[in-house]
Protein backbone atom coordinates (compact mmCIF):
# COMPACT_ATOMS: atom_id res chain seq x y z
CA LEU A 1 0.02 -0.08 -0.01
CA THR A 2 1.06 3.56 -0.53
CA VAL A 3 3.06 5.10 2.42
CA PHE A 4 1.41 8.07 3.93
CA PRO A 5 2.74 10.54 6.52
CA HIS A 6 1.98 10.18 10.15
CA LEU A 7 -1.65 9.21 10.88
CA PRO A 8 -3.67 10.13 13.91
CA SER A 9 -4.78 7.43 16.33
CA LEU A 10 -8.35 5.88 15.87
CA ALA A 11 -9.66 7.32 19.09
CA GLN A 12 -9.30 10.88 17.89
CA GLU A 13 -12.82 11.09 16.26
CA PRO A 14 -16.25 9.80 17.42
CA GLN A 15 -16.71 6.29 15.93
CA SER A 16 -20.11 6.98 14.64
CA SER A 17 -19.15 9.72 12.10
CA ARG A 18 -16.16 7.78 11.15
CA TYR A 19 -17.95 4.77 10.26
CA SER A 20 -20.74 6.54 8.64
CA LYS A 21 -18.12 7.92 6.23
CA LEU A 22 -16.70 4.49 5.70
CA ASN A 23 -20.13 3.12 4.93
CA SER A 24 -20.71 6.11 2.60
CA LEU A 25 -17.42 5.25 0.55
CA LEU A 26 -18.48 1.49 0.19
CA GLU A 27 -22.10 2.32 -0.68
CA LEU A 28 -20.70 4.88 -3.40
CA LEU A 29 -18.43 2.09 -4.80
CA GLU A 30 -21.28 -0.42 -4.84
CA SER A 31 -23.75 2.01 -6.53
CA ASN A 32 -21.33 2.61 -9.23
CA ASN A 33 -20.62 -1.17 -9.98
CA LYS A 34 -17.13 -0.97 -8.37
CA PHE A 35 -17.54 -3.09 -5.41
CA MET A 36 -19.39 -6.07 -3.89
CA GLY A 37 -18.43 -7.73 -0.84
CA ALA A 38 -18.07 -7.23 2.97
CA VAL A 39 -16.03 -5.34 5.49
CA ALA A 40 -15.20 -5.63 9.15
CA VAL A 41 -13.20 -3.47 11.56
CA SER A 42 -12.34 -4.37 15.18
CA LYS A 43 -10.82 -2.27 17.98
CA ASP A 44 -9.36 -3.85 21.12
CA GLY A 45 -11.05 -7.21 20.12
CA LYS A 46 -14.50 -5.75 19.64
CA ILE A 47 -16.13 -5.43 16.15
CA VAL A 48 -16.97 -1.62 15.68
CA PHE A 49 -17.98 -1.81 11.87
CA GLU A 50 -19.31 -4.72 9.92
CA GLU A 51 -21.36 -4.27 6.68
CA GLN A 52 -22.02 -6.10 3.45
CA TYR A 53 -22.54 -4.83 -0.17
CA GLY A 54 -23.78 -6.14 -3.46
CA MET A 55 -25.26 -9.54 -4.09
CA THR A 56 -24.21 -13.22 -3.55
CA SER A 57 -26.20 -14.86 -6.38
CA LYS A 58 -27.41 -14.03 -9.78
CA ASP A 59 -30.91 -14.91 -11.12
CA GLY A 60 -31.54 -12.70 -14.16
CA THR A 61 -31.20 -9.15 -12.83
CA PHE A 62 -31.98 -10.12 -9.31
CA GLY A 63 -29.35 -11.06 -6.58
CA LYS A 64 -29.64 -12.28 -3.05
CA GLN A 65 -28.28 -9.80 -0.41
CA PRO A 66 -25.29 -10.85 1.71
CA ASN A 67 -25.35 -10.75 5.55
CA ALA A 68 -22.81 -11.05 8.29
CA GLU A 69 -22.91 -14.89 7.97
CA THR A 70 -22.33 -14.90 4.21
CA GLN A 71 -19.15 -17.07 3.45
CA TYR A 72 -16.55 -15.71 0.79
CA ARG A 73 -13.51 -17.27 -0.50
CA ILE A 74 -10.45 -15.76 1.19
CA GLY A 75 -7.81 -16.97 -1.19
CA SER A 76 -4.30 -16.76 0.27
CA ILE A 77 -5.24 -15.40 3.56
CA THR A 78 -5.63 -19.23 4.17
CA LYS A 79 -1.86 -19.24 4.38
CA VAL A 80 -2.03 -17.66 7.78
CA PHE A 81 -4.35 -20.38 9.07
CA THR A 82 -2.02 -23.04 7.59
CA ALA A 83 1.13 -21.49 9.25
CA VAL A 84 -0.73 -21.32 12.56
CA MET A 85 -1.47 -25.00 12.40
CA ILE A 86 2.11 -25.76 11.45
CA MET A 87 3.42 -23.80 14.29
CA GLN A 88 0.87 -25.51 16.70
CA LEU A 89 2.36 -28.83 15.53
CA ILE A 90 5.84 -27.66 16.23
CA GLU A 91 4.97 -26.46 19.79
CA GLU A 92 3.60 -29.97 20.37
CA GLU A 93 6.95 -31.39 18.96
CA LYS A 94 5.22 -33.32 16.28
CA LEU A 95 7.20 -31.16 13.79
CA SER A 96 10.20 -29.10 13.59
CA LEU A 97 11.12 -26.09 11.51
CA ASP A 98 14.24 -27.97 10.36
CA ASP A 99 12.31 -31.01 9.27
CA LYS A 100 12.94 -31.83 5.64
CA LEU A 101 10.30 -32.26 2.98
CA SER A 102 11.90 -35.57 1.94
CA GLN A 103 10.53 -37.04 5.17
CA PHE A 104 7.06 -36.58 3.69
CA PHE A 105 7.05 -36.20 -0.03
CA PRO A 106 10.69 -37.10 -1.46
CA VAL A 107 9.41 -36.87 -5.02
CA ILE A 108 9.91 -33.14 -4.91
CA GLU A 109 13.27 -31.95 -6.36
CA ASN A 110 15.64 -30.95 -3.62
CA ALA A 111 13.24 -32.37 -1.01
CA ASP A 112 16.17 -33.47 1.22
CA GLN A 113 17.31 -29.78 1.31
CA ILE A 114 13.99 -28.08 1.61
CA SER A 115 12.82 -27.44 5.26
CA ILE A 116 9.53 -26.53 6.87
CA ARG A 117 11.10 -23.15 7.54
CA HIS A 118 11.85 -22.67 3.78
CA MET A 119 8.43 -23.51 2.77
CA LEU A 120 6.80 -21.24 5.46
CA GLY A 121 9.01 -18.50 4.10
CA HIS A 122 8.69 -19.05 0.48
CA GLN A 123 12.44 -19.80 0.31
CA SER A 124 12.01 -23.44 -1.01
CA GLY A 125 12.59 -22.89 -4.70
CA ILE A 126 9.68 -24.83 -5.62
CA GLY A 127 7.82 -23.45 -8.63
CA SER A 128 4.15 -22.34 -8.00
CA LEU A 129 1.49 -24.76 -9.28
CA THR A 130 -0.53 -21.69 -10.35
CA SER A 131 2.28 -21.14 -12.96
CA ASP A 132 1.45 -24.58 -14.54
CA PRO A 133 0.75 -23.87 -18.31
CA THR A 134 -2.13 -26.42 -18.26
CA LEU A 135 -3.72 -24.97 -15.19
CA MET A 136 -6.74 -23.77 -17.06
CA ASN A 137 -7.49 -27.33 -18.14
CA TRP A 138 -8.05 -28.74 -14.85
CA TYR A 139 -8.53 -25.96 -12.12
CA LYS A 140 -12.41 -26.59 -11.76
CA GLU A 141 -12.04 -30.35 -11.47
CA PRO A 142 -11.28 -32.28 -8.29
CA GLN A 143 -7.66 -33.54 -8.07
CA THR A 144 -6.24 -36.18 -5.75
CA ARG A 145 -3.23 -35.66 -3.71
CA GLU A 146 -1.29 -37.76 -6.08
CA GLN A 147 -2.42 -35.83 -8.95
CA MET A 148 -1.29 -32.54 -7.21
CA MET A 149 1.90 -33.92 -6.20
CA ARG A 150 2.78 -34.72 -9.94
CA ILE A 151 1.75 -31.27 -10.78
CA ILE A 152 3.87 -29.61 -8.18
CA ALA A 153 6.81 -31.98 -8.88
CA ARG A 154 6.93 -31.01 -12.57
CA GLN A 155 7.29 -27.30 -11.88
CA PRO A 156 10.88 -26.18 -12.76
CA LYS A 157 13.06 -25.46 -9.84
CA ARG A 158 13.37 -21.67 -9.34
CA PHE A 159 16.51 -21.57 -7.16
CA ASP A 160 18.37 -23.44 -4.44
CA PRO A 161 16.66 -23.72 -1.05
CA GLY A 162 17.28 -20.67 1.19
CA GLU A 163 18.83 -18.67 -1.78
CA LYS A 164 16.10 -16.15 -1.95
CA THR A 165 12.56 -15.53 -1.33
CA GLU A 166 9.79 -16.04 -4.15
CA TYR A 167 6.18 -16.57 -3.45
CA SER A 168 4.92 -19.95 -4.47
CA ASN A 169 1.51 -21.44 -3.66
CA SER A 170 3.01 -25.01 -3.82
CA ASN A 171 4.79 -24.39 -0.46
CA PHE A 172 1.45 -24.10 1.34
CA VAL A 173 -0.28 -26.79 -0.54
CA LEU A 174 2.49 -29.12 0.63
CA LEU A 175 2.36 -27.76 4.18
CA GLY A 176 -1.41 -28.46 4.26
CA TYR A 177 -0.51 -32.05 3.06
CA ILE A 178 2.00 -32.29 6.05
CA ILE A 179 -0.55 -31.24 8.52
CA GLU A 180 -2.77 -34.12 7.35
CA HIS A 181 0.24 -36.65 7.19
CA VAL A 182 1.20 -35.66 10.83
CA THR A 183 -2.22 -35.77 12.38
CA ASP A 184 -3.82 -38.49 10.20
CA GLU A 185 -6.84 -36.10 9.79
CA GLY A 186 -8.19 -33.96 6.96
CA TYR A 187 -6.98 -30.25 6.61
CA GLU A 188 -10.62 -29.22 7.12
CA ASP A 189 -10.98 -31.25 10.47
CA GLN A 190 -7.78 -29.76 11.70
CA LEU A 191 -8.94 -26.27 10.72
CA GLN A 192 -12.03 -26.87 12.80
CA SER A 193 -10.59 -28.22 15.99
CA ARG A 194 -7.34 -26.20 15.96
CA ILE A 195 -8.81 -22.77 15.14
CA CYS A 196 -12.44 -22.48 14.55
CA ASP A 197 -13.71 -24.31 17.82
CA ARG A 198 -10.93 -22.89 19.84
CA ILE A 199 -11.67 -19.25 19.25
CA GLY A 200 -15.40 -19.28 18.14
CA LEU A 201 -15.15 -18.86 14.33
CA GLU A 202 -18.74 -20.00 13.30
CA HIS A 203 -18.56 -18.98 9.76
CA THR A 204 -15.07 -20.22 8.70
CA SER A 205 -14.55 -23.54 6.92
CA TYR A 206 -12.99 -25.31 4.10
CA MET A 207 -14.34 -24.23 0.75
CA THR A 208 -17.50 -25.65 -0.85
CA LYS A 209 -19.30 -24.62 -3.98
CA ALA A 210 -21.22 -21.57 -4.01
CA ASP A 211 -24.78 -21.99 -2.75
CA ALA A 212 -27.21 -19.14 -2.00
CA ALA A 213 -29.31 -21.45 0.08
CA LYS A 214 -26.32 -22.12 2.42
CA ASN A 215 -25.26 -18.57 2.36
CA VAL A 216 -21.97 -19.40 0.40
CA THR A 217 -21.43 -16.58 -2.22
CA ILE A 218 -20.34 -16.75 -5.84
CA SER A 219 -18.00 -14.29 -7.31
CA PHE A 220 -18.34 -11.81 -10.27
CA GLY A 221 -16.28 -10.16 -12.95
CA TRP A 222 -17.42 -6.84 -14.52
CA THR A 223 -17.66 -7.24 -18.37
CA GLY A 224 -18.08 -3.49 -18.97
CA ASP A 225 -21.78 -3.60 -19.09
CA GLU A 226 -22.65 -6.04 -16.24
CA TRP A 227 -21.63 -8.36 -13.62
CA GLN A 228 -20.85 -11.92 -14.82
CA VAL A 229 -20.49 -15.12 -12.63
CA GLU A 230 -16.92 -16.34 -12.39
CA ASP A 231 -15.87 -20.05 -12.54
CA GLU A 232 -15.05 -21.73 -9.32
CA THR A 233 -11.62 -23.33 -8.52
CA ASP A 234 -11.99 -26.73 -6.99
CA PRO A 235 -10.83 -26.67 -3.42
CA SER A 236 -8.55 -29.59 -3.76
CA ILE A 237 -6.19 -27.44 -5.75
CA PRO A 238 -5.56 -24.52 -3.45
CA HIS A 239 -5.78 -26.61 -0.38
CA GLY A 240 -3.59 -25.26 2.38
CA ALA A 241 -2.64 -22.37 0.15
CA GLY A 242 -6.16 -20.90 -0.45
CA ALA A 243 -8.97 -23.11 0.22
CA ILE A 244 -10.82 -21.45 3.16
CA MET A 245 -13.95 -19.47 3.05
CA SER A 246 -14.91 -17.06 5.88
CA THR A 247 -16.41 -13.69 6.77
CA PRO A 248 -14.70 -10.43 7.45
CA GLY A 249 -16.05 -10.64 11.06
CA ASP A 250 -14.48 -14.06 11.58
CA LEU A 251 -11.19 -12.77 10.04
CA THR A 252 -10.96 -9.96 12.50
CA ARG A 253 -11.59 -12.39 15.37
CA PHE A 254 -8.93 -14.68 14.00
CA ALA A 255 -6.35 -11.84 13.88
CA ASP A 256 -7.27 -10.53 17.40
CA ALA A 257 -6.86 -14.00 18.73
CA LEU A 258 -3.68 -14.73 16.95
CA PHE A 259 -2.04 -11.59 18.04
CA GLY A 260 -3.71 -11.92 21.51
CA GLY A 261 -1.71 -15.14 22.11
CA LYS A 262 -4.80 -17.51 21.99
CA LEU A 263 -3.51 -19.70 18.98
CA VAL A 264 0.26 -19.76 19.24
CA THR A 265 2.97 -18.71 21.66
CA SER A 266 4.69 -15.37 21.53
CA ALA A 267 7.80 -17.28 20.18
CA SER A 268 5.88 -19.04 17.25
CA LEU A 269 4.25 -15.63 16.36
CA LYS A 270 7.78 -13.93 16.12
CA GLU A 271 8.87 -16.74 14.03
CA MET A 272 5.86 -16.09 11.70
CA THR A 273 6.37 -12.39 11.56
CA PRO A 274 8.78 -10.60 9.08
CA ALA A 275 11.53 -8.39 10.42
CA GLY A 276 10.65 -5.57 8.17
CA MET A 277 8.11 -5.25 5.25
CA GLY A 278 7.22 -8.05 3.01
CA MET A 279 6.92 -11.74 3.60
CA GLY A 280 7.58 -13.63 6.88
CA ARG A 281 6.76 -17.26 7.62
CA GLY A 282 2.89 -17.18 7.18
CA LEU A 283 2.46 -13.52 7.91
CA ALA A 284 3.28 -10.47 5.46
CA ALA A 285 3.80 -6.90 6.56
CA PHE A 286 2.60 -3.83 4.74
CA PRO A 287 3.03 -0.20 5.56
CA PHE A 288 0.31 2.45 5.87
CA GLY A 289 2.01 5.71 6.61
CA THR A 290 4.10 5.26 9.68
CA LYS A 291 1.92 2.31 10.71
CA ARG A 292 2.69 -1.43 9.96
CA ALA A 293 -0.06 -4.00 9.46
CA LEU A 294 0.59 -7.71 9.74
CA GLY A 295 -1.64 -10.07 7.82
CA HIS A 296 -2.18 -11.29 4.38
CA ASN A 297 -4.00 -10.68 1.20
CA GLY A 298 -5.81 -13.23 -1.16
CA GLY A 299 -7.21 -13.63 -4.65
CA ILE A 300 -9.04 -16.63 -6.09
CA ASP A 301 -11.63 -16.61 -8.97
CA GLY A 302 -13.31 -13.32 -8.68
CA PHE A 303 -12.62 -12.84 -5.03
CA GLN A 304 -10.05 -10.32 -3.58
CA SER A 305 -9.35 -10.04 0.18
CA ASN A 306 -7.13 -8.33 2.64
CA LEU A 307 -6.53 -8.90 6.34
CA GLY A 308 -4.40 -6.50 8.24
CA HIS A 309 -3.84 -6.13 12.23
CA PHE A 310 -2.28 -2.94 13.47
CA ARG A 311 -0.77 -4.11 16.83
CA GLN A 312 0.18 -0.68 17.98
CA ASP A 313 -3.43 0.49 17.58
CA GLY A 314 -5.31 -2.80 18.46
CA VAL A 315 -7.09 -2.54 15.11
CA SER A 316 -7.77 -5.34 12.69
CA VAL A 317 -9.33 -4.59 9.28
CA ALA A 318 -10.86 -7.35 6.90
CA VAL A 319 -12.20 -6.84 3.52
CA ILE A 320 -13.49 -9.57 1.06
CA GLY A 321 -14.75 -8.57 -2.38
CA ASN A 322 -16.76 -10.97 -4.50
CA GLY A 323 -17.09 -8.38 -7.29
CA VAL A 324 -14.21 -5.95 -7.61
CA ASN A 325 -14.00 -3.28 -10.50
CA TYR A 326 -11.92 -0.92 -8.76
CA ARG A 327 -8.16 -0.85 -7.84
CA PHE A 328 -8.18 -2.96 -4.68
CA ASN A 329 -5.22 -1.02 -3.35
CA ASP A 330 -7.07 2.28 -3.77
CA LEU A 331 -10.04 0.73 -1.96
CA MET A 332 -7.83 -0.12 1.01
CA ILE A 333 -6.17 3.15 1.02
CA GLY A 334 -9.56 4.88 1.15
CA LEU A 335 -10.73 2.41 3.80
CA LEU A 336 -7.80 2.78 6.03
CA SER A 337 -7.70 6.49 5.54
CA ILE A 338 -11.15 6.66 7.04
CA VAL A 339 -10.31 4.16 9.88
CA PHE A 340 -7.38 6.19 11.00
CA ASP A 341 -9.02 9.62 10.52
CA ARG A 342 -6.80 10.78 7.57
CA PRO A 343 -8.47 13.33 5.45
CA TYR A 344 -10.14 11.58 2.44
CA ALA A 345 -12.66 12.51 -0.11
């Protein structure tokens, strides 16, 4: 995000006027076919703003309206959940950061040199499965683990493990499989018991197909004249890299619990956190003025998302769009400018 000068604290303006302005911005974008989705803001562990915009299904010219329980695909924000579960397993001494990929999946090139630490930090050198030239032929169809392993294994090696950092979805698909291998349970079961049940996330789960009756939304792309329904990636493909669906309210609760010490120890959280800006081991950092947010962004099908926690302010902000026809970075700048009381028209 763009770096701004010093920003005032959240407490310097009555919340009612600030969040009225925030709602005004989002309604303006919605009415001009720029944004559909949902937003939540929490302060000191309490949600202070939560609203939804647009529609979740399309039947002719009519769409079902979203509510606070509508589930959206969150894309790569899933990686934070996966990293948390890996760190929990390390705390339980069922894994180590230095364990090698060859202990689990030796078919991957350099597996005997690639550690859990490398994969968490995108330093493995494994090519991203989303760069596979045949992706568009199979991304909508269920894939077995064996099929996915063949797809990952055929990606060209990008560099030697630890040589540099380069984002690769393959890392977190493999980490998701490692969670299953170590626990002898499915990723979705571990997600439920290790995170959702523990901190009360009632609307976070492994992805399913969009279903208006179940309040699981589809996503849209703007054609220039209308919103068109996007195709759906099968959850077996993104797995631990991007197969969770949630709500902004649940995402702020997740962030507040993570940084409040309710999911991993302070040592584990420090391990996940980047020293400066950019990628850490499961968490990314981005600047907003003199402030620093920790979280992640995401994108899958027509969904775009962002989760950021500002530790110094006790503020978490989550945005998930299921129809975005506007620069998402500009949307975030506007939203955060209002949240932190920076002048914004």
